[in-house]
PDB file of N, CA and C in Angstrom:
ATOM      1  N   MET A   1      94.449  54.909  49.396  1.00  0.00           N
ATOM      2  CA  MET A   1      94.010  56.069  50.163  1.00  0.00           C
ATOM      3  C   MET A   1      93.050  55.607  51.257  1.00  0.00           C
ATOM      4  N   LYS A   2      93.248  56.109  52.441  1.00  0.00           N
ATOM      5  CA  LYS A   2      92.427  55.719  53.573  1.00  0.00           C
ATOM      6  C   LYS A   2      91.175  56.587  53.646  1.00  0.00           C
ATOM      7  N   LYS A   3      90.064  55.953  53.994  1.00  0.00           N
ATOM      8  CA  LYS A   3      88.812  56.680  54.162  1.00  0.00           C
ATOM      9  C   LYS A   3      88.759  57.201  55.593  1.00  0.00           C
ATOM     10  N   ILE A   4      88.563  58.513  55.723  1.00  0.00           N
ATOM     11  CA  ILE A   4      88.577  59.162  57.036  1.00  0.00           C
ATOM     12  C   ILE A   4      87.252  59.879  57.260  1.00  0.00           C
ATOM     13  N   THR A   5      86.654  59.618  58.418  1.00  0.00           N
ATOM     14  CA  THR A   5      85.443  60.319  58.825  1.00  0.00           C
ATOM     15  C   THR A   5      85.695  60.912  60.203  1.00  0.00           C
ATOM     16  N   VAL A   6      85.373  62.191  60.341  1.00  0.00           N
ATOM     17  CA  VAL A   6      85.542  62.894  61.603  1.00  0.00           C
ATOM     18  C   VAL A   6      84.154  63.204  62.155  1.00  0.00           C
ATOM     19  N   PHE A   7      83.917  62.766  63.389  1.00  0.00           N
ATOM     20  CA  PHE A   7      82.653  63.008  64.080  1.00  0.00           C
ATOM     21  C   PHE A   7      82.898  64.126  65.088  1.00  0.00           C
ATOM     22  N   THR A   8      82.152  65.217  64.968  1.00  0.00           N
ATOM     23  CA  THR A   8      82.402  66.400  65.788  1.00  0.00           C
ATOM     24  C   THR A   8      81.145  66.891  66.492  1.00  0.00           C
ATOM     25  N   LEU A   9      81.374  67.861  67.371  1.00  0.00           N
ATOM     26  CA  LEU A   9      80.310  68.614  68.023  1.00  0.00           C
ATOM     27  C   LEU A   9      80.582  70.098  67.812  1.00  0.00           C
ATOM     28  N   PRO A  10      79.542  70.926  67.764  1.00  0.00           N
ATOM     29  CA  PRO A  10      79.759  72.366  67.623  1.00  0.00           C
ATOM     30  C   PRO A  10      80.519  72.914  68.837  1.00  0.00           C
ATOM     31  N   ASN A  11      81.352  73.885  68.603  1.00  0.00           N
ATOM     32  CA  ASN A  11      82.093  74.580  69.653  1.00  0.00           C
ATOM     33  C   ASN A  11      83.042  73.675  70.444  1.00  0.00           C
ATOM     34  N   CYS A  12      83.435  72.568  69.875  1.00  0.00           N
ATOM     35  CA  CYS A  12      84.363  71.635  70.509  1.00  0.00           C
ATOM     36  C   CYS A  12      85.792  72.044  70.125  1.00  0.00           C
ATOM     37  N   LYS A  13      86.582  72.453  71.122  1.00  0.00           N
ATOM     38  CA  LYS A  13      87.935  72.942  70.838  1.00  0.00           C
ATOM     39  C   LYS A  13      88.814  71.861  70.225  1.00  0.00           C
ATOM     40  N   ASN A  14      88.733  70.636  70.734  1.00  0.00           N
ATOM     41  CA  ASN A  14      89.557  69.563  70.171  1.00  0.00           C
ATOM     42  C   ASN A  14      89.095  69.158  68.773  1.00  0.00           C
ATOM     43  N   CYS A  15      87.810  69.343  68.489  1.00  0.00           N
ATOM     44  CA  CYS A  15      87.311  69.074  67.137  1.00  0.00           C
ATOM     45  C   CYS A  15      87.931  70.076  66.157  1.00  0.00           C
ATOM     46  N   ILE A  16      87.996  71.318  66.561  1.00  0.00           N
ATOM     47  CA  ILE A  16      88.598  72.355  65.721  1.00  0.00           C
ATOM     48  C   ILE A  16      90.080  72.070  65.515  1.00  0.00           C
ATOM     49  N   LYS A  17      90.766  71.671  66.579  1.00  0.00           N
ATOM     50  CA  LYS A  17      92.190  71.338  66.474  1.00  0.00           C
ATOM     51  C   LYS A  17      92.406  70.180  65.502  1.00  0.00           C
ATOM     52  N   LEU A  18      91.558  69.157  65.585  1.00  0.00           N
ATOM     53  CA  LEU A  18      91.690  68.001  64.691  1.00  0.00           C
ATOM     54  C   LEU A  18      91.475  68.411  63.244  1.00  0.00           C
ATOM     55  N   LYS A  19      90.429  69.185  62.975  1.00  0.00           N
ATOM     56  CA  LYS A  19      90.157  69.618  61.606  1.00  0.00           C
ATOM     57  C   LYS A  19      91.318  70.459  61.068  1.00  0.00           C
ATOM     58  N   ASN A  20      91.844  71.355  61.899  1.00  0.00           N
ATOM     59  CA  ASN A  20      92.999  72.162  61.480  1.00  0.00           C
ATOM     60  C   ASN A  20      94.204  71.278  61.196  1.00  0.00           C
ATOM     61  N   TYR A  21      94.449  70.295  62.050  1.00  0.00           N
ATOM     62  CA  TYR A  21      95.562  69.359  61.885  1.00  0.00           C
ATOM     63  C   TYR A  21      95.462  68.622  60.547  1.00  0.00           C
ATOM     64  N   LEU A  22      94.280  68.128  60.234  1.00  0.00           N
ATOM     65  CA  LEU A  22      94.080  67.401  58.975  1.00  0.00           C
ATOM     66  C   LEU A  22      94.164  68.358  57.773  1.00  0.00           C
ATOM     67  N   ASN A  23      93.593  69.539  57.903  1.00  0.00           N
ATOM     68  CA  ASN A  23      93.613  70.514  56.804  1.00  0.00           C
ATOM     69  C   ASN A  23      95.029  70.964  56.476  1.00  0.00           C
ATOM     70  N   ILE A  24      95.831  71.240  57.487  1.00  0.00           N
ATOM     71  CA  ILE A  24      97.217  71.675  57.266  1.00  0.00           C
ATOM     72  C   ILE A  24      98.000  70.613  56.508  1.00  0.00           C
ATOM     73  N   ARG A  25      97.683  69.358  56.755  1.00  0.00           N
ATOM     74  CA  ARG A  25      98.377  68.239  56.102  1.00  0.00           C
ATOM     75  C   ARG A  25      97.709  67.805  54.799  1.00  0.00           C
ATOM     76  N   ASN A  26      96.700  68.580  54.370  1.00  0.00           N
ATOM     77  CA  ASN A  26      95.954  68.294  53.139  1.00  0.00           C
ATOM     78  C   ASN A  26      95.380  66.880  53.132  1.00  0.00           C
ATOM     79  N   ILE A  27      94.874  66.445  54.273  1.00  0.00           N
ATOM     80  CA  ILE A  27      94.249  65.131  54.398  1.00  0.00           C
ATOM     81  C   ILE A  27      92.753  65.322  54.233  1.00  0.00           C
ATOM     82  N   LYS A  28      92.181  64.641  53.265  1.00  0.00           N
ATOM     83  CA  LYS A  28      90.751  64.757  53.001  1.00  0.00           C
ATOM     84  C   LYS A  28      89.971  63.874  53.968  1.00  0.00           C
ATOM     85  N   TYR A  29      88.813  64.376  54.379  1.00  0.00           N
ATOM     86  CA  TYR A  29      87.978  63.646  55.330  1.00  0.00           C
ATOM     87  C   TYR A  29      86.520  64.049  55.161  1.00  0.00           C
ATOM     88  N   ASN A  30      85.641  63.174  55.618  1.00  0.00           N
ATOM     89  CA  ASN A  30      84.217  63.480  55.682  1.00  0.00           C
ATOM     90  C   ASN A  30      83.935  63.981  57.091  1.00  0.00           C
ATOM     91  N   LEU A  31      83.079  64.963  57.213  1.00  0.00           N
ATOM     92  CA  LEU A  31      82.771  65.574  58.498  1.00  0.00           C
ATOM     93  C   LEU A  31      81.310  65.325  58.843  1.00  0.00           C
ATOM     94  N   ILE A  32      81.079  64.818  60.058  1.00  0.00           N
ATOM     95  CA  ILE A  32      79.715  64.587  60.526  1.00  0.00           C
ATOM     96  C   ILE A  32      79.547  65.248  61.888  1.00  0.00           C
ATOM     97  N   ASP A  33      78.571  66.132  61.988  1.00  0.00           N
ATOM     98  CA  ASP A  33      78.227  66.783  63.250  1.00  0.00           C
ATOM     99  C   ASP A  33      77.238  65.875  63.974  1.00  0.00           C
ATOM    100  N   VAL A  34      77.670  65.241  65.054  1.00  0.00           N
ATOM    101  CA  VAL A  34      76.801  64.278  65.730  1.00  0.00           C
ATOM    102  C   VAL A  34      75.660  64.946  66.493  1.00  0.00           C
ATOM    103  N   SER A  35      75.713  66.257  66.676  1.00  0.00           N
ATOM    104  CA  SER A  35      74.567  66.937  67.288  1.00  0.00           C
ATOM    105  C   SER A  35      73.410  67.036  66.295  1.00  0.00           C
ATOM    106  N   GLN A  36      73.709  66.894  65.010  1.00  0.00           N
ATOM    107  CA  GLN A  36      72.700  66.957  63.957  1.00  0.00           C
ATOM    108  C   GLN A  36      72.368  65.579  63.377  1.00  0.00           C
ATOM    109  N   ASN A  37      73.156  64.575  63.735  1.00  0.00           N
ATOM    110  CA  ASN A  37      72.997  63.246  63.143  1.00  0.00           C
ATOM    111  C   ASN A  37      72.991  62.206  64.263  1.00  0.00           C
ATOM    112  N   LYS A  38      71.807  61.864  64.729  1.00  0.00           N
ATOM    113  CA  LYS A  38      71.664  60.946  65.871  1.00  0.00           C
ATOM    114  C   LYS A  38      72.126  59.526  65.536  1.00  0.00           C
ATOM    115  N   LYS A  39      71.970  59.105  64.287  1.00  0.00           N
ATOM    116  CA  LYS A  39      72.455  57.775  63.897  1.00  0.00           C
ATOM    117  C   LYS A  39      73.973  57.705  64.015  1.00  0.00           C
ATOM    118  N   ALA A  40      74.639  58.761  63.617  1.00  0.00           N
ATOM    119  CA  ALA A  40      76.105  58.806  63.736  1.00  0.00           C
ATOM    120  C   ALA A  40      76.523  58.800  65.198  1.00  0.00           C
ATOM    121  N   LEU A  41      75.785  59.511  66.040  1.00  0.00           N
ATOM    122  CA  LEU A  41      76.093  59.532  67.468  1.00  0.00           C
ATOM    123  C   LEU A  41      75.971  58.133  68.057  1.00  0.00           C
ATOM    124  N   GLU A  42      74.915  57.429  67.717  1.00  0.00           N
ATOM    125  CA  GLU A  42      74.745  56.056  68.201  1.00  0.00           C
ATOM    126  C   GLU A  42      75.849  55.144  67.670  1.00  0.00           C
ATOM    127  N   TYR A  43      76.244  55.349  66.430  1.00  0.00           N
ATOM    128  CA  TYR A  43      77.302  54.541  65.815  1.00  0.00           C
ATOM    129  C   TYR A  43      78.623  54.691  66.573  1.00  0.00           C
ATOM    130  N   ILE A  44      79.001  55.912  66.904  1.00  0.00           N
ATOM    131  CA  ILE A  44      80.277  56.066  67.618  1.00  0.00           C
ATOM    132  C   ILE A  44      80.164  55.537  69.045  1.00  0.00           C
ATOM    133  N   LYS A  45      79.004  55.671  69.662  1.00  0.00           N
ATOM    134  CA  LYS A  45      78.810  55.109  71.008  1.00  0.00           C
ATOM    135  C   LYS A  45      78.933  53.591  70.980  1.00  0.00           C
ATOM    136  N   GLU A  46      78.373  52.963  69.937  1.00  0.00           N
ATOM    137  CA  GLU A  46      78.477  51.506  69.790  1.00  0.00           C
ATOM    138  C   GLU A  46      79.927  51.070  69.667  1.00  0.00           C
ATOM    139  N   ASN A  47      80.771  51.947  69.165  1.00  0.00           N
ATOM    140  CA  ASN A  47      82.194  51.651  68.989  1.00  0.00           C
ATOM    141  C   ASN A  47      83.035  52.210  70.129  1.00  0.00           C
ATOM    142  N   ARG A  48      82.377  52.449  71.250  1.00  0.00           N
ATOM    143  CA  ARG A  48      83.015  52.839  72.511  1.00  0.00           C
ATOM    144  C   ARG A  48      83.701  54.196  72.498  1.00  0.00           C
ATOM    145  N   CYS A  49      83.267  55.070  71.625  1.00  0.00           N
ATOM    146  CA  CYS A  49      83.784  56.440  71.645  1.00  0.00           C
ATOM    147  C   CYS A  49      82.766  57.308  72.368  1.00  0.00           C
ATOM    148  N   LYS A  50      83.209  57.909  73.455  1.00  0.00           N
ATOM    149  CA  LYS A  50      82.284  58.698  74.260  1.00  0.00           C
ATOM    150  C   LYS A  50      82.711  60.144  74.378  1.00  0.00           C
ATOM    151  N   LYS A  51      83.641  60.564  73.507  1.00  0.00           N
ATOM    152  CA  LYS A  51      84.048  61.960  73.539  1.00  0.00           C
ATOM    153  C   LYS A  51      84.305  62.455  72.129  1.00  0.00           C
ATOM    154  N   ALA A  52      84.287  63.762  72.004  1.00  0.00           N
ATOM    155  CA  ALA A  52      84.528  64.372  70.705  1.00  0.00           C
ATOM    156  C   ALA A  52      85.924  64.982  70.705  1.00  0.00           C
ATOM    157  N   PRO A  53      86.562  64.992  69.581  1.00  0.00           N
ATOM    158  CA  PRO A  53      86.129  64.372  68.333  1.00  0.00           C
ATOM    159  C   PRO A  53      86.397  62.875  68.350  1.00  0.00           C
ATOM    160  N   SER A  54      85.724  62.185  67.470  1.00  0.00           N
ATOM    161  CA  SER A  54      86.018  60.784  67.190  1.00  0.00           C
ATOM    162  C   SER A  54      86.384  60.723  65.713  1.00  0.00           C
ATOM    163  N   ILE A  55      87.358  59.914  65.410  1.00  0.00           N
ATOM    164  CA  ILE A  55      87.808  59.812  64.024  1.00  0.00           C
ATOM    165  C   ILE A  55      87.829  58.345  63.633  1.00  0.00           C
ATOM    166  N   LEU A  56      87.299  58.064  62.455  1.00  0.00           N
ATOM    167  CA  LEU A  56      87.279  56.715  61.906  1.00  0.00           C
ATOM    168  C   LEU A  56      88.180  56.709  60.682  1.00  0.00           C
ATOM    169  N   ILE A  57      89.238  55.907  60.763  1.00  0.00           N
ATOM    170  CA  ILE A  57      90.159  55.768  59.640  1.00  0.00           C
ATOM    171  C   ILE A  57      90.036  54.329  59.160  1.00  0.00           C
ATOM    172  N   ASN A  58      89.487  54.179  57.959  1.00  0.00           N
ATOM    173  CA  ASN A  58      89.086  52.870  57.440  1.00  0.00           C
ATOM    174  C   ASN A  58      88.151  52.229  58.457  1.00  0.00           C
ATOM    175  N   ARG A  59      88.592  51.254  59.225  1.00  0.00           N
ATOM    176  CA  ARG A  59      87.721  50.609  60.212  1.00  0.00           C
ATOM    177  C   ARG A  59      88.229  50.774  61.644  1.00  0.00           C
ATOM    178  N   THR A  60      89.137  51.712  61.845  1.00  0.00           N
ATOM    179  CA  THR A  60      89.729  51.923  63.163  1.00  0.00           C
ATOM    180  C   THR A  60      89.247  53.238  63.751  1.00  0.00           C
ATOM    181  N   PHE A  61      88.652  53.171  64.946  1.00  0.00           N
ATOM    182  CA  PHE A  61      88.212  54.362  65.651  1.00  0.00           C
ATOM    183  C   PHE A  61      89.315  54.885  66.552  1.00  0.00           C
ATOM    184  N   ILE A  62      89.435  56.207  66.600  1.00  0.00           N
ATOM    185  CA  ILE A  62      90.273  56.889  67.566  1.00  0.00           C
ATOM    186  C   ILE A  62      89.349  57.854  68.305  1.00  0.00           C
ATOM    187  N   CYS A  63      89.276  57.697  69.600  1.00  0.00           N
ATOM    188  CA  CYS A  63      88.405  58.551  70.414  1.00  0.00           C
ATOM    189  C   CYS A  63      89.224  59.704  70.973  1.00  0.00           C
ATOM    190  N   GLY A  64      88.850  60.912  70.619  1.00  0.00           N
ATOM    191  CA  GLY A  64      89.602  62.084  71.030  1.00  0.00           C
ATOM    192  C   GLY A  64      90.663  62.419  69.993  1.00  0.00           C
ATOM    193  N   PHE A  65      91.287  63.557  70.167  1.00  0.00           N
ATOM    194  CA  PHE A  65      92.317  64.017  69.236  1.00  0.00           C
ATOM    195  C   PHE A  65      93.664  63.505  69.720  1.00  0.00           C
ATOM    196  N   ASP A  66      94.131  62.423  69.091  1.00  0.00           N
ATOM    197  CA  ASP A  66      95.403  61.784  69.458  1.00  0.00           C
ATOM    198  C   ASP A  66      96.303  61.768  68.225  1.00  0.00           C
ATOM    199  N   ARG A  67      97.170  62.790  68.101  1.00  0.00           N
ATOM    200  CA  ARG A  67      98.033  62.922  66.927  1.00  0.00           C
ATOM    201  C   ARG A  67      98.900  61.697  66.691  1.00  0.00           C
ATOM    202  N   ILE A  68      99.417  61.114  67.757  1.00  0.00           N
ATOM    203  CA  ILE A  68     100.318  59.965  67.624  1.00  0.00           C
ATOM    204  C   ILE A  68      99.580  58.787  66.980  1.00  0.00           C
ATOM    205  N   LYS A  69      98.388  58.482  67.461  1.00  0.00           N
ATOM    206  CA  LYS A  69      97.606  57.375  66.887  1.00  0.00           C
ATOM    207  C   LYS A  69      97.206  57.681  65.445  1.00  0.00           C
ATOM    208  N   ILE A  70      96.797  58.910  65.195  1.00  0.00           N
ATOM    209  CA  ILE A  70      96.392  59.299  63.842  1.00  0.00           C
ATOM    210  C   ILE A  70      97.558  59.135  62.877  1.00  0.00           C
ATOM    211  N   ASP A  71      98.711  59.673  63.255  1.00  0.00           N
ATOM    212  CA  ASP A  71      99.885  59.574  62.393  1.00  0.00           C
ATOM    213  C   ASP A  71     100.303  58.123  62.173  1.00  0.00           C
ATOM    214  N   LYS A  72     100.211  57.313  63.208  1.00  0.00           N
ATOM    215  CA  LYS A  72     100.585  55.909  63.095  1.00  0.00           C
ATOM    216  C   LYS A  72      99.691  55.181  62.082  1.00  0.00           C
ATOM    217  N   ILE A  73      98.398  55.407  62.185  1.00  0.00           N
ATOM    218  CA  ILE A  73      97.451  54.743  61.277  1.00  0.00           C
ATOM    219  C   ILE A  73      97.602  55.269  59.844  1.00  0.00           C
ATOM    220  N   LEU A  74      97.864  56.577  59.720  1.00  0.00           N
ATOM    221  CA  LEU A  74      98.016  57.164  58.387  1.00  0.00           C
ATOM    222  C   LEU A  74      99.396  56.924  57.797  1.00  0.00           C
ATOM    223  N   GLY A  75     100.316  56.426  58.624  1.00  0.00           N
ATOM    224  CA  GLY A  75     101.655  56.139  58.124  1.00  0.00           C
ATOM    225  C   GLY A  75     102.528  57.368  58.013  1.00  0.00           C
ATOM    226  N   ASN A  76     102.267  58.376  58.835  1.00  0.00           N
ATOM    227  CA  ASN A  76     103.069  59.617  58.819  1.00  0.00           C
ATOM    228  C   ASN A  76     104.154  59.572  59.868  1.00  0.00           C
TER     229      ASN A  76
END
């Protein structure tokens, strides 16, 4: 099972789309609001993600909501 962490911002339309996408597929994930967690915000910036949402699957970052990349990494 892959470890998935989703980094979001409040009122972010693509963040909502990503969460809905994962929920519909019954994919479990940890959710971190980077507006409330400055360490998480710095962590994603260090990994060259400068937009929301950012998703970490095991050790691979995907910046933005990219279904094709997500499905490829998850093996769907």
